[in-house]
Protein backbone atom coordinates (compact mmCIF):
# COMPACT_ATOMS: atom_id res chain seq x y z
CA MET A 1 0.00 0.00 0.00
CA GLN A 2 0.91 3.64 -0.34
CA ILE A 3 0.80 5.47 2.98
CA ALA A 4 0.73 9.27 2.93
CA LEU A 5 1.66 11.11 6.12
CA LEU A 6 0.25 14.63 5.89
CA GLY A 7 2.27 16.78 8.21
CA GLY A 8 4.85 14.03 8.06
CA THR A 9 7.59 16.43 9.11
CA GLY A 10 6.23 16.63 12.67
CA ASP A 11 6.93 14.39 15.65
CA ILE A 12 4.29 11.69 15.14
CA GLY A 13 4.76 11.83 11.37
CA GLU A 14 8.50 11.28 11.74
CA GLY A 15 8.05 8.27 13.98
CA LEU A 16 5.45 6.64 11.74
CA ALA A 17 7.52 7.33 8.61
CA LEU A 18 10.64 5.75 10.10
CA ARG A 19 8.87 2.70 11.53
CA LEU A 20 6.72 2.07 8.46
CA ALA A 21 9.71 2.39 6.13
CA ARG A 22 11.87 0.09 8.24
CA ASP A 23 9.34 -2.53 9.33
CA THR A 24 6.99 -2.87 6.35
CA ASP A 25 6.94 -3.14 2.58
CA HIS A 26 4.51 -0.25 2.21
CA GLN A 27 5.50 2.85 0.25
CA VAL A 28 5.77 5.85 2.58
CA ILE A 29 5.13 9.38 1.32
CA VAL A 30 5.95 12.33 3.56
CA GLY A 31 3.61 15.25 2.99
CA SER A 32 3.81 18.89 4.02
CA ARG A 33 2.26 22.20 3.04
CA GLU A 34 5.63 22.93 1.41
CA ALA A 35 7.13 20.31 -0.91
CA GLY A 36 10.66 21.43 -0.05
CA LYS A 37 10.08 20.85 3.64
CA ALA A 38 8.73 17.37 2.91
CA GLU A 39 11.75 16.55 0.74
CA ALA A 40 14.18 17.68 3.44
CA ALA A 41 12.43 15.54 6.04
CA ALA A 42 12.33 12.49 3.76
CA ASP A 43 16.07 12.84 3.12
CA GLU A 44 16.68 13.06 6.87
CA TYR A 45 14.60 9.95 7.53
CA GLU A 46 16.36 8.00 4.80
CA ALA A 47 19.72 8.97 6.30
CA ALA A 48 18.64 7.83 9.76
CA LEU A 49 17.58 4.49 8.32
CA ALA A 50 20.79 4.16 6.29
CA ASP A 51 22.84 4.71 9.45
CA ARG A 52 21.20 1.54 10.77
CA GLY A 53 21.74 -0.49 7.62
CA HIS A 54 18.36 0.05 5.97
CA SER A 55 18.20 1.32 2.39
CA ASP A 56 14.58 2.44 2.35
CA ASP A 57 13.10 4.88 -0.16
CA ILE A 58 10.78 7.50 1.33
CA GLU A 59 8.97 9.76 -1.10
CA ALA A 60 8.01 13.38 -0.48
CA ALA A 61 5.41 15.78 -1.84
CA GLU A 62 3.09 18.62 -1.03
CA ASN A 63 0.13 17.35 1.01
CA ALA A 64 -2.42 17.15 -1.80
CA THR A 65 -0.01 15.35 -4.12
CA ALA A 66 0.94 12.95 -1.35
CA ALA A 67 -2.72 12.13 -0.70
CA ALA A 68 -3.73 11.74 -4.34
CA ASP A 69 -2.55 8.16 -4.93
CA ALA A 70 -2.43 6.93 -1.33
CA ASP A 71 -4.38 3.98 -0.01
CA VAL A 72 -4.15 5.29 3.55
CA VAL A 73 -3.75 8.96 4.49
CA VAL A 74 -2.63 9.71 8.04
CA CYS A 75 -3.37 13.30 9.01
CA SER A 76 -0.46 13.58 11.42
CA VAL A 77 -0.90 17.26 12.26
CA PRO A 78 -1.83 18.95 15.55
CA ALA A 79 -5.54 19.10 16.27
CA TYR A 80 -5.77 22.82 15.53
CA TYR A 81 -4.54 22.25 11.95
CA LEU A 82 -6.70 19.20 11.29
CA SER A 83 -9.74 20.79 9.65
CA ASP A 84 -7.72 23.04 7.36
CA THR A 85 -5.44 20.17 6.32
CA ILE A 86 -8.30 17.82 5.45
CA GLU A 87 -10.22 20.53 3.60
CA ALA A 88 -7.11 21.36 1.56
CA VAL A 89 -6.80 17.78 0.29
CA ALA A 90 -10.48 16.81 0.21
CA ASP A 91 -10.55 16.45 -3.58
CA ASP A 92 -7.57 14.07 -3.43
CA LEU A 93 -9.01 11.60 -0.91
CA ALA A 94 -10.96 9.36 -3.29
CA ASP A 95 -10.62 5.63 -2.61
CA THR A 96 -8.55 6.13 0.53
CA VAL A 97 -8.83 5.61 4.27
CA LEU A 98 -8.27 8.72 6.37
CA VAL A 99 -6.60 8.22 9.75
CA SER A 100 -6.63 10.77 12.57
CA PRO A 101 -4.13 10.43 15.45
CA ALA A 102 -4.62 14.00 16.73
CA VAL A 103 -5.69 14.82 20.29
CA GLY A 104 -7.01 18.14 21.57
CA MET A 105 -5.16 19.20 24.73
CA GLN A 106 -4.59 22.27 26.83
CA ARG A 107 -2.08 22.98 29.57
CA ASP A 108 -2.64 24.84 32.83
CA GLU A 109 -0.99 24.93 36.27
CA SER A 110 -2.35 21.45 37.03
CA GLY A 111 -0.83 19.83 33.93
CA VAL A 112 -2.27 18.74 30.60
CA GLY A 113 -6.00 18.25 30.14
CA TYR A 114 -8.16 16.82 27.37
CA ASN A 115 -9.74 19.55 25.24
CA PRO A 116 -12.11 17.99 22.70
CA PRO A 117 -13.90 20.03 20.02
CA GLY A 118 -17.63 20.56 20.16
CA VAL A 119 -18.36 17.40 18.15
CA GLY A 120 -16.95 15.29 20.98
CA SER A 121 -13.52 14.19 19.72
CA VAL A 122 -10.88 15.18 17.21
CA THR A 123 -11.53 11.96 15.32
CA ALA A 124 -15.20 12.91 15.02
CA LEU A 125 -14.12 16.33 13.76
CA ALA A 126 -12.04 14.63 11.06
CA ALA A 127 -15.09 12.62 10.02
CA ALA A 128 -17.22 15.75 9.91
CA VAL A 129 -14.76 17.56 7.65
CA ALA A 130 -13.84 14.66 5.37
CA PRO A 131 -15.90 13.92 2.24
CA ASP A 132 -18.88 11.68 2.97
CA ASP A 133 -17.48 8.76 0.98
CA VAL A 134 -14.12 8.73 2.80
CA PRO A 135 -14.02 6.38 5.81
CA VAL A 136 -12.30 7.86 8.87
CA VAL A 137 -10.43 5.79 11.44
CA GLY A 138 -8.92 6.97 14.70
CA ALA A 139 -5.55 5.41 15.60
CA PHE A 140 -2.06 6.16 16.98
CA HIS A 141 -3.44 8.64 19.56
CA ASN A 142 -1.48 7.35 22.54
CA LEU A 143 1.99 6.86 21.08
CA ALA A 144 4.93 8.70 22.64
CA ALA A 145 6.36 10.47 19.60
CA ALA A 146 9.93 10.73 20.91
CA ARG A 147 10.23 6.99 21.50
CA LEU A 148 8.41 6.18 18.28
CA SER A 149 10.97 8.14 16.29
CA THR A 150 13.94 6.60 18.14
CA LEU A 151 14.68 3.60 15.98
CA ASP A 152 16.99 2.05 18.56
CA ALA A 153 14.11 1.90 21.07
CA ASP A 154 11.96 -1.21 21.19
CA LEU A 155 8.21 -0.74 21.37
CA ASP A 156 5.63 -2.76 23.27
CA TRP A 157 2.43 -0.75 22.89
CA ASP A 158 -1.20 -1.35 22.10
CA VAL A 159 -3.00 0.93 19.64
CA PRO A 160 -6.76 1.31 20.17
CA VAL A 161 -8.43 1.70 16.77
CA VAL A 162 -11.88 3.25 16.35
CA GLY A 163 -14.06 3.55 13.26
CA ASP A 164 -17.52 2.92 11.85
CA ASP A 165 -16.34 1.29 8.62
CA ALA A 166 -15.25 -2.28 9.39
CA GLU A 167 -13.12 -2.68 6.27
CA ALA A 168 -11.30 0.61 6.81
CA LYS A 169 -10.69 -0.24 10.45
CA ALA A 170 -9.30 -3.64 9.46
CA THR A 171 -6.93 -1.97 6.98
CA VAL A 172 -5.56 0.37 9.64
CA SER A 173 -5.31 -2.45 12.18
CA GLU A 174 -3.27 -4.56 9.75
CA LEU A 175 -1.03 -1.59 9.02
CA THR A 176 -0.50 -1.06 12.74
CA ASP A 177 0.35 -4.71 13.33
CA ASP A 178 2.96 -4.50 10.57
CA ILE A 179 5.01 -2.13 12.77
CA ASP A 180 7.27 -4.03 15.16
CA GLY A 181 6.10 -3.67 18.75
CA LEU A 182 2.62 -2.33 18.02
CA ARG A 183 -0.61 -4.28 18.43
CA ALA A 184 -3.92 -2.94 17.14
CA LEU A 185 -6.98 -3.40 19.34
CA ASP A 186 -10.54 -2.81 18.16
CA ALA A 187 -11.97 -0.09 20.41
CA GLY A 188 -15.34 0.13 18.67
CA GLY A 189 -16.95 2.90 16.68
CA LEU A 190 -16.09 6.56 16.24
CA ASP A 191 -18.27 7.46 19.21
CA ASN A 192 -15.61 5.86 21.41
CA ALA A 193 -12.83 8.10 20.15
CA SER A 194 -13.07 10.54 23.04
CA GLU A 195 -12.23 7.82 25.57
CA VAL A 196 -9.16 6.83 23.57
CA GLU A 197 -7.99 10.40 22.99
CA ALA A 198 -8.39 11.33 26.67
CA VAL A 199 -5.76 8.74 27.63
CA THR A 200 -3.02 10.84 25.99
CA PRO A 201 -3.03 13.75 28.46
CA LEU A 202 -3.10 11.20 31.28
CA LEU A 203 0.07 9.59 29.92
CA ILE A 204 1.74 12.99 29.60
CA ASN A 205 0.88 13.90 33.19
CA LEU A 206 2.14 10.55 34.48
CA ALA A 207 5.39 10.97 32.57
CA ALA A 208 5.87 14.49 33.90
CA ASN A 209 5.23 13.65 37.54
CA ASN A 210 6.95 10.28 37.99
CA ASP A 211 10.63 9.50 37.65
CA GLY A 212 11.55 6.99 34.99
CA MET A 213 8.14 7.07 33.30
CA HIS A 214 8.90 9.16 30.24
CA ASP A 215 7.76 8.03 26.80
CA LEU A 216 4.76 6.12 28.14
CA GLY A 217 2.38 4.13 25.97
CA VAL A 218 -0.47 1.77 26.78
CA LYS A 219 -0.54 -2.01 27.08
CA PHE A 220 -3.58 -4.12 27.92
CA TRP A 221 -3.63 -7.64 29.35
């Protein structure tokens, strides 16, 4: 499959690009609002992989071009850029699965709190903005980006996956399982996205307030 990472120059985009390129046979395309920025990031990722003995080809393009031929499009941008990013590529999302890993958060003196949009979750917002015929799946919300992008670090995380389209959810689950150390778990429909997203600020607060607990993920037994 072709996997386009819109906003693939950011933290979560970097980690997914590196892991997908190293661990799978899927074609990875790094997207950005600026093609030059995407190309620079793709070159950096290829160099990081080459340093570890992997000769993987990562493509780069402006977001709309990256999305145009992709089978799966991961909108790996912060929540406040999500709507604009999806709207900008809406005409290029035919025959694709759109994945949203974004989480709305806000920080105050107590730490980081969950800050969902009015529709209930950022994943629901993605579904509201996306074209009606494009299935939306929520996944990768709870991954620690720094550890994800550190190729020398082993992963042992579960990835709750939510969506109303069973086939699209299965596609994203299989893609997740292809990454070493990740296990996809079916968390139900899109209405359950808020529960999954709200775990992320909890993990950040735990990491900030407890020694030796940085780069937390989730694991279920």
